[in-house]
Amino acid sequence: MSAEVNGFLDGVERDPLSDLFQMVACPKINLWDSPDREKVVATYDHGTPILILDEAENSDGRLFLKVRPIFSLRRGWVSENFVVRSINNAQGHR
């Protein structure tokens, strides 16, 4: 993948049945050590620009993305539900 911003961490509630629909329900988003989420390695704010480095399914079949915030060298895994991909990378979005 290219070394340009290709997404943002996103804590907006997308469930239309939720009282928090279209509001920032998760202002802080955890990055995990693996797609199976054993240990939090970092926490970043909603809206943090990221590089998407890899993707993998966890043992439950949920898609996780390996990401790195553009201002940090720390890497971690986050559920695809907490990422909005940039338009120039939308074709790869599942």
PDB file of N, CA and C in Angstrom:
ATOM      1  N   MET A   1       0.837  -1.184   0.000  1.00  0.00           N
ATOM      2  CA  MET A   1       0.000   0.000   0.000  1.00  0.00           C
ATOM      3  C   MET A   1       0.883   1.249   0.000  1.00  0.00           C
ATOM      4  N   SER A   2       0.347   2.339  -0.494  1.00  0.00           N
ATOM      5  CA  SER A   2       1.128   3.570  -0.595  1.00  0.00           C
ATOM      6  C   SER A   2       1.303   4.224   0.764  1.00  0.00           C
ATOM      7  N   ALA A   3       2.262   5.147   0.850  1.00  0.00           N
ATOM      8  CA  ALA A   3       2.569   5.822   2.103  1.00  0.00           C
ATOM      9  C   ALA A   3       1.830   7.148   2.219  1.00  0.00           C
ATOM     10  N   GLU A   4       0.613   7.213   1.736  1.00  0.00           N
ATOM     11  CA  GLU A   4      -0.202   8.412   1.875  1.00  0.00           C
ATOM     12  C   GLU A   4      -1.350   8.108   2.822  1.00  0.00           C
ATOM     13  N   VAL A   5      -1.951   9.163   3.367  1.00  0.00           N
ATOM     14  CA  VAL A   5      -3.104   8.961   4.244  1.00  0.00           C
ATOM     15  C   VAL A   5      -4.168   8.233   3.431  1.00  0.00           C
ATOM     16  N   ASN A   6      -4.618   7.094   3.929  1.00  0.00           N
ATOM     17  CA  ASN A   6      -5.655   6.388   3.203  1.00  0.00           C
ATOM     18  C   ASN A   6      -6.837   6.008   4.077  1.00  0.00           C
ATOM     19  N   GLY A   7      -6.964   6.703   5.207  1.00  0.00           N
ATOM     20  CA  GLY A   7      -8.120   6.490   6.054  1.00  0.00           C
ATOM     21  C   GLY A   7      -8.057   7.321   7.313  1.00  0.00           C
ATOM     22  N   PHE A   8      -9.118   7.220   8.090  1.00  0.00           N
ATOM     23  CA  PHE A   8      -9.245   7.949   9.352  1.00  0.00           C
ATOM     24  C   PHE A   8      -9.911   7.041  10.369  1.00  0.00           C
ATOM     25  N   LEU A   9      -9.472   7.116  11.614  1.00  0.00           N
ATOM     26  CA  LEU A   9     -10.188   6.415  12.677  1.00  0.00           C
ATOM     27  C   LEU A   9     -11.522   7.115  12.876  1.00  0.00           C
ATOM     28  N   ASP A  10     -12.581   6.333  13.024  1.00  0.00           N
ATOM     29  CA  ASP A  10     -13.928   6.888  13.029  1.00  0.00           C
ATOM     30  C   ASP A  10     -14.774   6.243  14.114  1.00  0.00           C
ATOM     31  N   GLY A  11     -15.246   7.054  15.054  1.00  0.00           N
ATOM     32  CA  GLY A  11     -16.081   6.556  16.142  1.00  0.00           C
ATOM     33  C   GLY A  11     -17.544   6.941  16.015  1.00  0.00           C
ATOM     34  N   VAL A  12     -18.000   7.226  14.808  1.00  0.00           N
ATOM     35  CA  VAL A  12     -19.394   7.639  14.596  1.00  0.00           C
ATOM     36  C   VAL A  12     -20.307   6.410  14.608  1.00  0.00           C
ATOM     37  N   GLU A  13     -21.410   6.507  15.322  1.00  0.00           N
ATOM     38  CA  GLU A  13     -22.408   5.430  15.390  1.00  0.00           C
ATOM     39  C   GLU A  13     -23.153   5.348  14.063  1.00  0.00           C
ATOM     40  N   ARG A  14     -23.172   4.168  13.463  1.00  0.00           N
ATOM     41  CA  ARG A  14     -23.820   3.981  12.165  1.00  0.00           C
ATOM     42  C   ARG A  14     -25.141   3.227  12.237  1.00  0.00           C
ATOM     43  N   ASP A  15     -25.509   2.747  13.413  1.00  0.00           N
ATOM     44  CA  ASP A  15     -26.769   2.007  13.568  1.00  0.00           C
ATOM     45  C   ASP A  15     -27.925   2.997  13.634  1.00  0.00           C
ATOM     46  N   PRO A  16     -28.821   3.005  12.628  1.00  0.00           N
ATOM     47  CA  PRO A  16     -29.924   3.972  12.621  1.00  0.00           C
ATOM     48  C   PRO A  16     -30.913   3.790  13.772  1.00  0.00           C
ATOM     49  N   LEU A  17     -30.871   2.659  14.451  1.00  0.00           N
ATOM     50  CA  LEU A  17     -31.761   2.435  15.584  1.00  0.00           C
ATOM     51  C   LEU A  17     -31.183   2.957  16.902  1.00  0.00           C
ATOM     52  N   SER A  18     -29.937   3.363  16.870  1.00  0.00           N
ATOM     53  CA  SER A  18     -29.268   3.865  18.071  1.00  0.00           C
ATOM     54  C   SER A  18     -29.657   5.311  18.353  1.00  0.00           C
ATOM     55  N   ASP A  19     -29.753   5.640  19.633  1.00  0.00           N
ATOM     56  CA  ASP A  19     -29.992   7.039  20.031  1.00  0.00           C
ATOM     57  C   ASP A  19     -28.818   7.937  19.649  1.00  0.00           C
ATOM     58  N   LEU A  20     -27.662   7.349  19.409  1.00  0.00           N
ATOM     59  CA  LEU A  20     -26.461   8.107  19.061  1.00  0.00           C
ATOM     60  C   LEU A  20     -26.168   8.099  17.563  1.00  0.00           C
ATOM     61  N   PHE A  21     -27.138   7.684  16.755  1.00  0.00           N
ATOM     62  CA  PHE A  21     -26.954   7.587  15.311  1.00  0.00           C
ATOM     63  C   PHE A  21     -26.353   8.864  14.752  1.00  0.00           C
ATOM     64  N   GLN A  22     -25.288   8.719  13.984  1.00  0.00           N
ATOM     65  CA  GLN A  22     -24.541   9.783  13.324  1.00  0.00           C
ATOM     66  C   GLN A  22     -23.839  10.738  14.295  1.00  0.00           C
ATOM     67  N   MET A  23     -23.675  10.312  15.545  1.00  0.00           N
ATOM     68  CA  MET A  23     -22.926  11.098  16.531  1.00  0.00           C
ATOM     69  C   MET A  23     -21.632  10.341  16.851  1.00  0.00           C
ATOM     70  N   VAL A  24     -20.658  11.066  17.364  1.00  0.00           N
ATOM     71  CA  VAL A  24     -19.415  10.407  17.781  1.00  0.00           C
ATOM     72  C   VAL A  24     -19.699   9.674  19.088  1.00  0.00           C
ATOM     73  N   ALA A  25     -19.842   8.372  18.982  1.00  0.00           N
ATOM     74  CA  ALA A  25     -20.126   7.541  20.143  1.00  0.00           C
ATOM     75  C   ALA A  25     -18.842   7.027  20.785  1.00  0.00           C
ATOM     76  N   CYS A  26     -17.771   6.999  20.020  1.00  0.00           N
ATOM     77  CA  CYS A  26     -16.476   6.488  20.475  1.00  0.00           C
ATOM     78  C   CYS A  26     -15.417   7.549  20.191  1.00  0.00           C
ATOM     79  N   PRO A  27     -15.182   8.487  21.099  1.00  0.00           N
ATOM     80  CA  PRO A  27     -14.189   9.525  20.823  1.00  0.00           C
ATOM     81  C   PRO A  27     -12.747   9.019  20.878  1.00  0.00           C
ATOM     82  N   LYS A  28     -12.507   7.901  21.535  1.00  0.00           N
ATOM     83  CA  LYS A  28     -11.182   7.278  21.622  1.00  0.00           C
ATOM     84  C   LYS A  28     -11.292   5.863  21.056  1.00  0.00           C
ATOM     85  N   ILE A  29     -10.330   5.493  20.220  1.00  0.00           N
ATOM     86  CA  ILE A  29     -10.371   4.195  19.551  1.00  0.00           C
ATOM     87  C   ILE A  29      -9.083   3.442  19.837  1.00  0.00           C
ATOM     88  N   ASN A  30      -9.238   2.199  20.288  1.00  0.00           N
ATOM     89  CA  ASN A  30      -8.094   1.360  20.643  1.00  0.00           C
ATOM     90  C   ASN A  30      -7.484   0.700  19.412  1.00  0.00           C
ATOM     91  N   LEU A  31      -6.157   0.593  19.425  1.00  0.00           N
ATOM     92  CA  LEU A  31      -5.439  -0.262  18.494  1.00  0.00           C
ATOM     93  C   LEU A  31      -4.975  -1.470  19.294  1.00  0.00           C
ATOM     94  N   TRP A  32      -5.095  -2.643  18.683  1.00  0.00           N
ATOM     95  CA  TRP A  32      -4.827  -3.897  19.371  1.00  0.00           C
ATOM     96  C   TRP A  32      -3.569  -4.563  18.823  1.00  0.00           C
ATOM     97  N   ASP A  33      -3.048  -5.508  19.587  1.00  0.00           N
ATOM     98  CA  ASP A  33      -1.840  -6.240  19.209  1.00  0.00           C
ATOM     99  C   ASP A  33      -2.066  -7.218  18.064  1.00  0.00           C
ATOM    100  N   SER A  34      -3.305  -7.635  17.868  1.00  0.00           N
ATOM    101  CA  SER A  34      -3.636  -8.605  16.819  1.00  0.00           C
ATOM    102  C   SER A  34      -5.131  -8.483  16.504  1.00  0.00           C
ATOM    103  N   PRO A  35      -5.579  -9.080  15.409  1.00  0.00           N
ATOM    104  CA  PRO A  35      -7.016  -9.053  15.119  1.00  0.00           C
ATOM    105  C   PRO A  35      -7.867  -9.745  16.191  1.00  0.00           C
ATOM    106  N   ASP A  36      -7.263 -10.609  17.001  1.00  0.00           N
ATOM    107  CA  ASP A  36      -8.020 -11.271  18.063  1.00  0.00           C
ATOM    108  C   ASP A  36      -8.035 -10.492  19.374  1.00  0.00           C
ATOM    109  N   ARG A  37      -7.489  -9.296  19.377  1.00  0.00           N
ATOM    110  CA  ARG A  37      -7.627  -8.307  20.452  1.00  0.00           C
ATOM    111  C   ARG A  37      -7.282  -8.831  21.841  1.00  0.00           C
ATOM    112  N   GLU A  38      -6.052  -9.211  22.034  1.00  0.00           N
ATOM    113  CA  GLU A  38      -5.626  -9.646  23.360  1.00  0.00           C
ATOM    114  C   GLU A  38      -5.129  -8.488  24.216  1.00  0.00           C
ATOM    115  N   LYS A  39      -4.488  -7.485  23.589  1.00  0.00           N
ATOM    116  CA  LYS A  39      -3.884  -6.397  24.356  1.00  0.00           C
ATOM    117  C   LYS A  39      -3.976  -5.086  23.572  1.00  0.00           C
ATOM    118  N   VAL A  40      -4.403  -4.014  24.257  1.00  0.00           N
ATOM    119  CA  VAL A  40      -4.432  -2.688  23.649  1.00  0.00           C
ATOM    120  C   VAL A  40      -2.999  -2.172  23.587  1.00  0.00           C
ATOM    121  N   VAL A  41      -2.566  -1.729  22.392  1.00  0.00           N
ATOM    122  CA  VAL A  41      -1.204  -1.209  22.246  1.00  0.00           C
ATOM    123  C   VAL A  41      -1.183   0.313  22.164  1.00  0.00           C
ATOM    124  N   ALA A  42      -2.334   0.932  21.864  1.00  0.00           N
ATOM    125  CA  ALA A  42      -2.410   2.392  21.779  1.00  0.00           C
ATOM    126  C   ALA A  42      -3.874   2.801  21.692  1.00  0.00           C
ATOM    127  N   THR A  43      -4.134   4.054  22.008  1.00  0.00           N
ATOM    128  CA  THR A  43      -5.476   4.636  21.888  1.00  0.00           C
ATOM    129  C   THR A  43      -5.334   5.986  21.203  1.00  0.00           C
ATOM    130  N   TYR A  44      -6.169   6.212  20.193  1.00  0.00           N
ATOM    131  CA  TYR A  44      -6.116   7.459  19.429  1.00  0.00           C
ATOM    132  C   TYR A  44      -7.505   8.077  19.328  1.00  0.00           C
ATOM    133  N   ASP A  45      -7.529   9.357  18.991  1.00  0.00           N
ATOM    134  CA  ASP A  45      -8.783  10.104  18.888  1.00  0.00           C
ATOM    135  C   ASP A  45      -9.531   9.804  17.597  1.00  0.00           C
ATOM    136  N   HIS A  46     -10.849   9.915  17.681  1.00  0.00           N
ATOM    137  CA  HIS A  46     -11.704   9.910  16.491  1.00  0.00           C
ATOM    138  C   HIS A  46     -11.155  10.954  15.520  1.00  0.00           C
ATOM    139  N   GLY A  47     -11.069  10.599  14.247  1.00  0.00           N
ATOM    140  CA  GLY A  47     -10.580  11.524  13.234  1.00  0.00           C
ATOM    141  C   GLY A  47      -9.090  11.452  12.955  1.00  0.00           C
ATOM    142  N   THR A  48      -8.365  10.607  13.691  1.00  0.00           N
ATOM    143  CA  THR A  48      -6.927  10.476  13.479  1.00  0.00           C
ATOM    144  C   THR A  48      -6.650   9.936  12.074  1.00  0.00           C
ATOM    145  N   PRO A  49      -5.831  10.645  11.276  1.00  0.00           N
ATOM    146  CA  PRO A  49      -5.486  10.134   9.947  1.00  0.00           C
ATOM    147  C   PRO A  49      -4.524   8.957  10.057  1.00  0.00           C
ATOM    148  N   ILE A  50      -4.768   7.937   9.238  1.00  0.00           N
ATOM    149  CA  ILE A  50      -3.991   6.700   9.334  1.00  0.00           C
ATOM    150  C   ILE A  50      -3.522   6.217   7.967  1.00  0.00           C
ATOM    151  N   LEU A  51      -2.521   5.358   8.030  1.00  0.00           N
ATOM    152  CA  LEU A  51      -2.092   4.559   6.894  1.00  0.00           C
ATOM    153  C   LEU A  51      -2.612   3.147   7.137  1.00  0.00           C
ATOM    154  N   ILE A  52      -3.216   2.546   6.155  1.00  0.00           N
ATOM    155  CA  ILE A  52      -3.677   1.162   6.261  1.00  0.00           C
ATOM    156  C   ILE A  52      -2.582   0.278   5.689  1.00  0.00           C
ATOM    157  N   LEU A  53      -2.057  -0.603   6.531  1.00  0.00           N
ATOM    158  CA  LEU A  53      -0.893  -1.408   6.173  1.00  0.00           C
ATOM    159  C   LEU A  53      -1.231  -2.831   5.751  1.00  0.00           C
ATOM    160  N   ASP A  54      -2.318  -3.374   6.309  1.00  0.00           N
ATOM    161  CA  ASP A  54      -2.661  -4.770   6.047  1.00  0.00           C
ATOM    162  C   ASP A  54      -4.088  -5.000   6.514  1.00  0.00           C
ATOM    163  N   GLU A  55      -4.635  -6.151   6.184  1.00  0.00           N
ATOM    164  CA  GLU A  55      -5.944  -6.529   6.697  1.00  0.00           C
ATOM    165  C   GLU A  55      -5.984  -8.034   6.900  1.00  0.00           C
ATOM    166  N   ALA A  56      -6.800  -8.449   7.892  1.00  0.00           N
ATOM    167  CA  ALA A  56      -6.940  -9.867   8.207  1.00  0.00           C
ATOM    168  C   ALA A  56      -8.231 -10.072   8.979  1.00  0.00           C
ATOM    169  N   GLU A  57      -8.776 -11.269   8.862  1.00  0.00           N
ATOM    170  CA  GLU A  57      -9.953 -11.620   9.656  1.00  0.00           C
ATOM    171  C   GLU A  57      -9.500 -12.205  10.985  1.00  0.00           C
ATOM    172  N   ASN A  58     -10.289 -11.918  12.033  1.00  0.00           N
ATOM    173  CA  ASN A  58      -9.986 -12.531  13.328  1.00  0.00           C
ATOM    174  C   ASN A  58     -10.665 -13.891  13.399  1.00  0.00           C
ATOM    175  N   SER A  59     -10.561 -14.558  14.539  1.00  0.00           N
ATOM    176  CA  SER A  59     -11.112 -15.906  14.683  1.00  0.00           C
ATOM    177  C   SER A  59     -12.640 -15.927  14.602  1.00  0.00           C
ATOM    178  N   ASP A  60     -13.292 -14.753  14.749  1.00  0.00           N
ATOM    179  CA  ASP A  60     -14.749 -14.657  14.611  1.00  0.00           C
ATOM    180  C   ASP A  60     -15.172 -14.292  13.188  1.00  0.00           C
ATOM    181  N   GLY A  61     -14.199 -14.138  12.295  1.00  0.00           N
ATOM    182  CA  GLY A  61     -14.502 -13.794  10.916  1.00  0.00           C
ATOM    183  C   GLY A  61     -14.696 -12.307  10.655  1.00  0.00           C
ATOM    184  N   ARG A  62     -14.376 -11.459  11.644  1.00  0.00           N
ATOM    185  CA  ARG A  62     -14.501 -10.003  11.467  1.00  0.00           C
ATOM    186  C   ARG A  62     -13.213  -9.453  10.862  1.00  0.00           C
ATOM    187  N   LEU A  63     -13.372  -8.491   9.954  1.00  0.00           N
ATOM    188  CA  LEU A  63     -12.216  -7.907   9.291  1.00  0.00           C
ATOM    189  C   LEU A  63     -11.565  -6.840  10.167  1.00  0.00           C
ATOM    190  N   PHE A  64     -10.257  -6.963  10.348  1.00  0.00           N
ATOM    191  CA  PHE A  64      -9.452  -5.979  11.069  1.00  0.00           C
ATOM    192  C   PHE A  64      -8.398  -5.425  10.134  1.00  0.00           C
ATOM    193  N   LEU A  65      -8.039  -4.169  10.359  1.00  0.00           N
ATOM    194  CA  LEU A  65      -7.031  -3.499   9.558  1.00  0.00           C
ATOM    195  C   LEU A  65      -5.819  -3.186  10.424  1.00  0.00           C
ATOM    196  N   LYS A  66      -4.645  -3.453   9.911  1.00  0.00           N
ATOM    197  CA  LYS A  66      -3.429  -3.031  10.589  1.00  0.00           C
ATOM    198  C   LYS A  66      -3.158  -1.606  10.133  1.00  0.00           C
ATOM    199  N   VAL A  67      -3.042  -0.687  11.084  1.00  0.00           N
ATOM    200  CA  VAL A  67      -2.925   0.732  10.755  1.00  0.00           C
ATOM    201  C   VAL A  67      -1.779   1.373  11.515  1.00  0.00           C
ATOM    202  N   ARG A  68      -1.369   2.537  10.998  1.00  0.00           N
ATOM    203  CA  ARG A  68      -0.393   3.373  11.687  1.00  0.00           C
ATOM    204  C   ARG A  68      -0.837   4.815  11.536  1.00  0.00           C
ATOM    205  N   PRO A  69      -1.086   5.510  12.654  1.00  0.00           N
ATOM    206  CA  PRO A  69      -1.378   6.940  12.556  1.00  0.00           C
ATOM    207  C   PRO A  69      -0.217   7.658  11.867  1.00  0.00           C
ATOM    208  N   ILE A  70      -0.516   8.670  11.063  1.00  0.00           N
ATOM    209  CA  ILE A  70       0.541   9.314  10.275  1.00  0.00           C
ATOM    210  C   ILE A  70       1.583  10.005  11.141  1.00  0.00           C
ATOM    211  N   PHE A  71       1.245  10.378  12.366  1.00  0.00           N
ATOM    212  CA  PHE A  71       2.176  11.099  13.235  1.00  0.00           C
ATOM    213  C   PHE A  71       2.880  10.182  14.235  1.00  0.00           C
ATOM    214  N   SER A  72       2.773   8.873  14.038  1.00  0.00           N
ATOM    215  CA  SER A  72       3.327   7.925  15.000  1.00  0.00           C
ATOM    216  C   SER A  72       3.956   6.746  14.264  1.00  0.00           C
ATOM    217  N   LEU A  73       4.891   6.086  14.916  1.00  0.00           N
ATOM    218  CA  LEU A  73       5.441   4.849  14.372  1.00  0.00           C
ATOM    219  C   LEU A  73       4.739   3.625  14.941  1.00  0.00           C
ATOM    220  N   ARG A  74       3.879   3.843  15.942  1.00  0.00           N
ATOM    221  CA  ARG A  74       3.164   2.735  16.572  1.00  0.00           C
ATOM    222  C   ARG A  74       2.137   2.156  15.611  1.00  0.00           C
ATOM    223  N   ARG A  75       2.077   0.841  15.565  1.00  0.00           N
ATOM    224  CA  ARG A  75       1.139   0.139  14.692  1.00  0.00           C
ATOM    225  C   ARG A  75       0.224  -0.725  15.525  1.00  0.00           C
ATOM    226  N   GLY A  76      -0.962  -0.977  15.008  1.00  0.00           N
ATOM    227  CA  GLY A  76      -1.888  -1.849  15.701  1.00  0.00           C
ATOM    228  C   GLY A  76      -3.059  -2.208  14.801  1.00  0.00           C
ATOM    229  N   TRP A  77      -3.907  -3.070  15.320  1.00  0.00           N
ATOM    230  CA  TRP A  77      -5.059  -3.576  14.582  1.00  0.00           C
ATOM    231  C   TRP A  77      -6.340  -2.933  15.109  1.00  0.00           C
ATOM    232  N   VAL A  78      -7.250  -2.616  14.190  1.00  0.00           N
ATOM    233  CA  VAL A  78      -8.525  -2.007  14.540  1.00  0.00           C
ATOM    234  C   VAL A  78      -9.606  -2.614  13.648  1.00  0.00           C
ATOM    235  N   SER A  79     -10.792  -2.790  14.206  1.00  0.00           N
ATOM    236  CA  SER A  79     -11.917  -3.298  13.415  1.00  0.00           C
ATOM    237  C   SER A  79     -12.191  -2.354  12.259  1.00  0.00           C
ATOM    238  N   GLU A  80     -12.515  -2.915  11.095  1.00  0.00           N
ATOM    239  CA  GLU A  80     -12.830  -2.068   9.945  1.00  0.00           C
ATOM    240  C   GLU A  80     -14.012  -1.152  10.229  1.00  0.00           C
ATOM    241  N   ASN A  81     -14.842  -1.488  11.224  1.00  0.00           N
ATOM    242  CA  ASN A  81     -15.991  -0.648  11.584  1.00  0.00           C
ATOM    243  C   ASN A  81     -15.567   0.698  12.156  1.00  0.00           C
ATOM    244  N   PHE A  82     -14.321   0.816  12.577  1.00  0.00           N
ATOM    245  CA  PHE A  82     -13.815   2.066  13.147  1.00  0.00           C
ATOM    246  C   PHE A  82     -12.885   2.804  12.192  1.00  0.00           C
ATOM    247  N   VAL A  83     -12.994   2.488  10.899  1.00  0.00           N
ATOM    248  CA  VAL A  83     -12.155   3.141   9.891  1.00  0.00           C
ATOM    249  C   VAL A  83     -13.025   3.622   8.739  1.00  0.00           C
ATOM    250  N   VAL A  84     -12.774   4.851   8.328  1.00  0.00           N
ATOM    251  CA  VAL A  84     -13.336   5.366   7.084  1.00  0.00           C
ATOM    252  C   VAL A  84     -12.175   5.491   6.127  1.00  0.00           C
ATOM    253  N   ARG A  85     -12.271   4.804   5.007  1.00  0.00           N
ATOM    254  CA  ARG A  85     -11.193   4.860   4.022  1.00  0.00           C
ATOM    255  C   ARG A  85     -11.338   6.123   3.181  1.00  0.00           C
ATOM    256  N   SER A  86     -10.206   6.670   2.780  1.00  0.00           N
ATOM    257  CA  SER A  86     -10.209   7.828   1.893  1.00  0.00           C
ATOM    258  C   SER A  86     -10.815   7.445   0.558  1.00  0.00           C
ATOM    259  N   ILE A  87     -11.372   8.405  -0.137  1.00  0.00           N
ATOM    260  CA  ILE A  87     -12.047   8.141  -1.399  1.00  0.00           C
ATOM    261  C   ILE A  87     -11.103   7.493  -2.407  1.00  0.00           C
ATOM    262  N   ASN A  88      -9.835   7.910  -2.413  1.00  0.00           N
ATOM    263  CA  ASN A  88      -8.909   7.335  -3.385  1.00  0.00           C
ATOM    264  C   ASN A  88      -8.617   5.866  -3.124  1.00  0.00           C
ATOM    265  N   ASN A  89      -9.048   5.335  -1.968  1.00  0.00           N
ATOM    266  CA  ASN A  89      -8.850   3.910  -1.650  1.00  0.00           C
ATOM    267  C   ASN A  89     -10.170   3.174  -1.453  1.00  0.00           C
ATOM    268  N   ALA A  90     -11.271   3.804  -1.807  1.00  0.00           N
ATOM    269  CA  ALA A  90     -12.589   3.218  -1.537  1.00  0.00           C
ATOM    270  C   ALA A  90     -12.828   1.932  -2.318  1.00  0.00           C
ATOM    271  N   GLN A  91     -12.159   1.725  -3.434  1.00  0.00           N
ATOM    272  CA  GLN A  91     -12.383   0.539  -4.226  1.00  0.00           C
ATOM    273  C   GLN A  91     -11.998  -0.720  -3.457  1.00  0.00           C
ATOM    274  N   GLY A  92     -11.048  -0.620  -2.550  1.00  0.00           N
ATOM    275  CA  GLY A  92     -10.629  -1.789  -1.778  1.00  0.00           C
ATOM    276  C   GLY A  92     -11.502  -2.053  -0.568  1.00  0.00           C
ATOM    277  N   HIS A  93     -12.441  -1.170  -0.253  1.00  0.00           N
ATOM    278  CA  HIS A  93     -13.279  -1.307   0.939  1.00  0.00           C
ATOM    279  C   HIS A  93     -14.292  -2.430   0.756  1.00  0.00           C
ATOM    280  N   ARG A  94     -14.427  -3.260   1.792  1.00  0.00           N
ATOM    281  CA  ARG A  94     -15.384  -4.367   1.729  1.00  0.00           C
ATOM    282  C   ARG A  94     -16.719  -3.958   2.276  1.00  0.00           C
TER     283      ARG A  94
END
